[in-house]
Amino acid sequence: MSWSDVLQRGTADPSLTFARARWGQAGKFAWVAPRQTIIAPTGEQYPLCTTVYFKDADEVVKPYLPSMDGMTEADDWYVGISGHPPQ
């Protein structure tokens, strides 16, 4: 599956996690968090854009910024968690 597929499927179903077959370490995954409203320090509310998060093998979560390859050429994305590819 492509990065575009990940974005489309993840936006439609935020319960899905995604990984790449080339990720060697087990336990990594990305997901698309649904849009939220946040409160700024001024007290005003603003829409937060849809964000893709990444849980790495060290148990740290951060916004995901895929490589150019991950966005434009990779077709090895799958629904799941690294180290546990689909059958």
N, C-alpha and C. Protein backbone atom coordinates (compact mmCIF):
# COMPACT_ATOMS: atom_id res chain seq x y z
N MET A 1 0.85 -1.16 0.00
CA MET A 1 0.00 0.00 0.00
C MET A 1 0.90 1.23 0.00
N SER A 2 0.44 2.32 -0.57
CA SER A 2 1.21 3.56 -0.68
C SER A 2 0.93 4.49 0.51
N TRP A 3 1.72 5.55 0.62
CA TRP A 3 1.51 6.56 1.66
C TRP A 3 0.14 7.21 1.50
N SER A 4 -0.26 7.44 0.28
CA SER A 4 -1.59 8.00 0.02
C SER A 4 -2.67 7.08 0.57
N ASP A 5 -2.50 5.77 0.38
CA ASP A 5 -3.46 4.80 0.93
C ASP A 5 -3.49 4.87 2.45
N VAL A 6 -2.30 4.99 3.06
CA VAL A 6 -2.23 5.10 4.53
C VAL A 6 -3.05 6.30 4.99
N LEU A 7 -2.85 7.44 4.36
CA LEU A 7 -3.57 8.65 4.76
C LEU A 7 -5.08 8.50 4.58
N GLN A 8 -5.48 7.94 3.46
CA GLN A 8 -6.92 7.77 3.21
C GLN A 8 -7.55 6.78 4.17
N ARG A 9 -6.92 5.63 4.33
CA ARG A 9 -7.48 4.60 5.22
C ARG A 9 -7.42 5.02 6.68
N GLY A 10 -6.31 5.67 7.06
CA GLY A 10 -6.17 6.11 8.45
C GLY A 10 -7.13 7.23 8.81
N THR A 11 -7.42 8.11 7.88
CA THR A 11 -8.40 9.17 8.12
C THR A 11 -9.80 8.58 8.25
N ALA A 12 -10.10 7.60 7.42
CA ALA A 12 -11.42 6.96 7.47
C ALA A 12 -11.60 6.11 8.72
N ASP A 13 -10.51 5.52 9.23
CA ASP A 13 -10.59 4.65 10.40
C ASP A 13 -9.39 4.89 11.31
N PRO A 14 -9.51 5.82 12.27
CA PRO A 14 -8.38 6.17 13.13
C PRO A 14 -7.93 5.03 14.06
N SER A 15 -8.64 3.92 14.09
CA SER A 15 -8.21 2.79 14.93
C SER A 15 -7.12 1.95 14.26
N LEU A 16 -6.86 2.21 12.98
CA LEU A 16 -5.85 1.43 12.25
C LEU A 16 -4.45 1.92 12.56
N THR A 17 -3.51 0.98 12.61
CA THR A 17 -2.08 1.32 12.70
C THR A 17 -1.42 0.83 11.42
N PHE A 18 -0.31 1.47 11.05
CA PHE A 18 0.38 1.16 9.80
C PHE A 18 1.87 1.01 10.04
N ALA A 19 2.48 0.11 9.29
CA ALA A 19 3.92 -0.10 9.38
C ALA A 19 4.45 -0.35 7.98
N ARG A 20 5.77 -0.36 7.87
CA ARG A 20 6.41 -0.68 6.60
C ARG A 20 7.15 -2.00 6.73
N ALA A 21 7.13 -2.77 5.67
CA ALA A 21 7.82 -4.05 5.67
C ALA A 21 9.32 -3.87 5.88
N ARG A 22 9.88 -2.76 5.46
CA ARG A 22 11.32 -2.55 5.57
C ARG A 22 11.77 -2.15 6.97
N TRP A 23 10.84 -1.82 7.86
CA TRP A 23 11.23 -1.47 9.22
C TRP A 23 11.71 -2.73 9.92
N GLY A 24 12.98 -2.77 10.30
CA GLY A 24 13.58 -3.97 10.87
C GLY A 24 13.22 -4.21 12.33
N GLN A 25 13.04 -3.13 13.10
CA GLN A 25 12.73 -3.30 14.51
C GLN A 25 11.24 -3.56 14.70
N ALA A 26 10.93 -4.49 15.57
CA ALA A 26 9.53 -4.78 15.88
C ALA A 26 8.94 -3.70 16.79
N GLY A 27 7.66 -3.50 16.68
CA GLY A 27 6.94 -2.60 17.57
C GLY A 27 6.72 -1.19 17.08
N LYS A 28 7.17 -0.87 15.87
CA LYS A 28 6.96 0.48 15.32
C LYS A 28 5.62 0.53 14.59
N PHE A 29 4.95 1.66 14.69
CA PHE A 29 3.75 1.87 13.89
C PHE A 29 3.40 3.35 13.83
N ALA A 30 2.62 3.70 12.83
CA ALA A 30 2.11 5.06 12.66
C ALA A 30 0.59 4.98 12.65
N TRP A 31 -0.05 6.09 12.98
CA TRP A 31 -1.50 6.17 12.87
C TRP A 31 -1.91 7.60 12.60
N VAL A 32 -3.10 7.74 12.05
CA VAL A 32 -3.64 9.06 11.73
C VAL A 32 -4.62 9.44 12.84
N ALA A 33 -4.26 10.48 13.59
CA ALA A 33 -5.12 10.94 14.68
C ALA A 33 -6.23 11.81 14.09
N PRO A 34 -7.45 11.66 14.58
CA PRO A 34 -8.55 12.49 14.06
C PRO A 34 -8.36 13.95 14.43
N ARG A 35 -9.01 14.81 13.66
CA ARG A 35 -8.96 16.25 13.95
C ARG A 35 -9.50 16.52 15.33
N GLN A 36 -8.92 17.51 15.98
CA GLN A 36 -9.33 17.90 17.32
C GLN A 36 -9.43 19.42 17.39
N THR A 37 -10.00 19.88 18.46
CA THR A 37 -9.99 21.31 18.76
C THR A 37 -9.09 21.50 19.97
N ILE A 38 -8.20 22.47 19.89
CA ILE A 38 -7.31 22.74 21.02
C ILE A 38 -7.57 24.15 21.55
N ILE A 39 -7.20 24.36 22.79
CA ILE A 39 -7.34 25.68 23.41
C ILE A 39 -5.96 26.31 23.50
N ALA A 40 -5.84 27.48 22.91
CA ALA A 40 -4.58 28.22 22.92
C ALA A 40 -4.38 28.89 24.28
N PRO A 41 -3.17 29.33 24.59
CA PRO A 41 -2.95 30.04 25.85
C PRO A 41 -3.83 31.27 26.02
N THR A 42 -4.36 31.80 24.91
CA THR A 42 -5.26 32.95 24.97
C THR A 42 -6.67 32.57 25.39
N GLY A 43 -6.92 31.26 25.45
CA GLY A 43 -8.26 30.78 25.81
C GLY A 43 -9.14 30.51 24.60
N GLU A 44 -8.68 30.90 23.42
CA GLU A 44 -9.46 30.68 22.20
C GLU A 44 -9.26 29.24 21.72
N GLN A 45 -10.28 28.73 21.04
CA GLN A 45 -10.20 27.37 20.50
C GLN A 45 -9.88 27.42 19.02
N TYR A 46 -9.04 26.48 18.59
CA TYR A 46 -8.65 26.39 17.19
C TYR A 46 -8.69 24.93 16.74
N PRO A 47 -9.01 24.70 15.46
CA PRO A 47 -8.95 23.32 14.97
C PRO A 47 -7.49 22.91 14.79
N LEU A 48 -7.16 21.73 15.25
CA LEU A 48 -5.83 21.16 15.06
C LEU A 48 -5.90 20.28 13.82
N CYS A 49 -4.96 20.45 12.92
CA CYS A 49 -4.99 19.67 11.69
C CYS A 49 -4.83 18.18 12.00
N THR A 50 -5.26 17.37 11.07
CA THR A 50 -5.05 15.94 11.20
C THR A 50 -3.56 15.69 11.29
N THR A 51 -3.15 14.86 12.23
CA THR A 51 -1.74 14.60 12.47
C THR A 51 -1.46 13.11 12.39
N VAL A 52 -0.33 12.76 11.79
CA VAL A 52 0.11 11.37 11.78
C VAL A 52 1.16 11.24 12.87
N TYR A 53 0.96 10.25 13.74
CA TYR A 53 1.90 9.99 14.83
C TYR A 53 2.66 8.70 14.57
N PHE A 54 3.83 8.59 15.19
CA PHE A 54 4.69 7.42 15.03
C PHE A 54 5.15 6.96 16.40
N LYS A 55 4.93 5.67 16.68
CA LYS A 55 5.43 5.06 17.92
C LYS A 55 6.65 4.26 17.55
N ASP A 56 7.82 4.66 18.08
CA ASP A 56 9.04 3.96 17.71
C ASP A 56 9.31 2.77 18.63
N ALA A 57 10.36 2.06 18.34
CA ALA A 57 10.69 0.86 19.11
C ALA A 57 11.10 1.19 20.54
N ASP A 58 11.44 2.45 20.82
CA ASP A 58 11.82 2.88 22.16
C ASP A 58 10.63 3.37 22.97
N GLU A 59 9.41 3.12 22.46
CA GLU A 59 8.18 3.49 23.17
C GLU A 59 7.96 4.99 23.24
N VAL A 60 8.50 5.74 22.29
CA VAL A 60 8.32 7.19 22.23
C VAL A 60 7.38 7.50 21.08
N VAL A 61 6.43 8.39 21.31
CA VAL A 61 5.49 8.82 20.26
C VAL A 61 5.83 10.24 19.86
N LYS A 62 5.84 10.47 18.54
CA LYS A 62 6.15 11.80 18.02
C LYS A 62 5.36 12.01 16.73
N PRO A 63 5.17 13.26 16.31
CA PRO A 63 4.57 13.46 14.99
C PRO A 63 5.45 12.78 13.94
N TYR A 64 4.82 12.16 12.96
CA TYR A 64 5.56 11.40 11.96
C TYR A 64 5.84 12.25 10.74
N LEU A 65 7.11 12.31 10.37
CA LEU A 65 7.54 13.01 9.16
C LEU A 65 8.23 11.97 8.29
N PRO A 66 7.49 11.33 7.39
CA PRO A 66 8.09 10.27 6.59
C PRO A 66 9.16 10.81 5.65
N SER A 67 10.07 9.93 5.29
CA SER A 67 11.10 10.29 4.32
C SER A 67 10.43 10.51 2.96
N MET A 68 11.17 11.09 2.05
CA MET A 68 10.64 11.27 0.69
C MET A 68 10.29 9.92 0.09
N ASP A 69 11.13 8.92 0.31
CA ASP A 69 10.86 7.57 -0.16
C ASP A 69 9.57 7.02 0.44
N GLY A 70 9.37 7.26 1.74
CA GLY A 70 8.17 6.77 2.42
C GLY A 70 6.89 7.37 1.87
N MET A 71 7.00 8.60 1.36
CA MET A 71 5.82 9.27 0.82
C MET A 71 5.60 9.01 -0.67
N THR A 72 6.69 8.94 -1.43
CA THR A 72 6.51 8.94 -2.89
C THR A 72 6.76 7.60 -3.57
N GLU A 73 7.63 6.76 -3.01
CA GLU A 73 7.99 5.53 -3.71
C GLU A 73 7.63 4.26 -2.97
N ALA A 74 7.51 4.32 -1.67
CA ALA A 74 7.27 3.10 -0.89
C ALA A 74 5.89 2.51 -1.20
N ASP A 75 5.87 1.23 -1.41
CA ASP A 75 4.59 0.52 -1.59
C ASP A 75 4.53 -0.66 -0.62
N ASP A 76 5.36 -0.58 0.45
CA ASP A 76 5.43 -1.68 1.41
C ASP A 76 4.70 -1.38 2.72
N TRP A 77 3.85 -0.36 2.71
CA TRP A 77 3.04 -0.06 3.89
C TRP A 77 1.99 -1.16 4.05
N TYR A 78 1.67 -1.48 5.30
CA TYR A 78 0.60 -2.43 5.57
C TYR A 78 -0.10 -2.06 6.87
N VAL A 79 -1.31 -2.54 7.04
CA VAL A 79 -2.05 -2.32 8.28
C VAL A 79 -1.45 -3.25 9.32
N GLY A 80 -0.95 -2.68 10.41
CA GLY A 80 -0.37 -3.51 11.45
C GLY A 80 0.77 -2.81 12.17
N ILE A 81 1.62 -3.62 12.78
CA ILE A 81 2.75 -3.16 13.58
C ILE A 81 4.01 -3.85 13.06
N SER A 82 5.12 -3.13 13.00
CA SER A 82 6.34 -3.74 12.46
C SER A 82 6.71 -4.98 13.28
N GLY A 83 7.25 -5.94 12.57
CA GLY A 83 7.57 -7.21 13.19
C GLY A 83 6.42 -8.20 13.16
N HIS A 84 5.26 -7.72 12.73
CA HIS A 84 4.05 -8.55 12.64
C HIS A 84 3.36 -8.30 11.30
N PRO A 85 4.06 -8.61 10.19
CA PRO A 85 3.45 -8.32 8.88
C PRO A 85 2.21 -9.19 8.65
N PRO A 86 1.34 -8.72 7.78
CA PRO A 86 0.13 -9.50 7.50
C PRO A 86 0.48 -10.83 6.86
N GLN A 87 -0.37 -11.77 7.07
CA GLN A 87 -0.16 -13.12 6.50
C GLN A 87 -0.54 -13.16 5.05
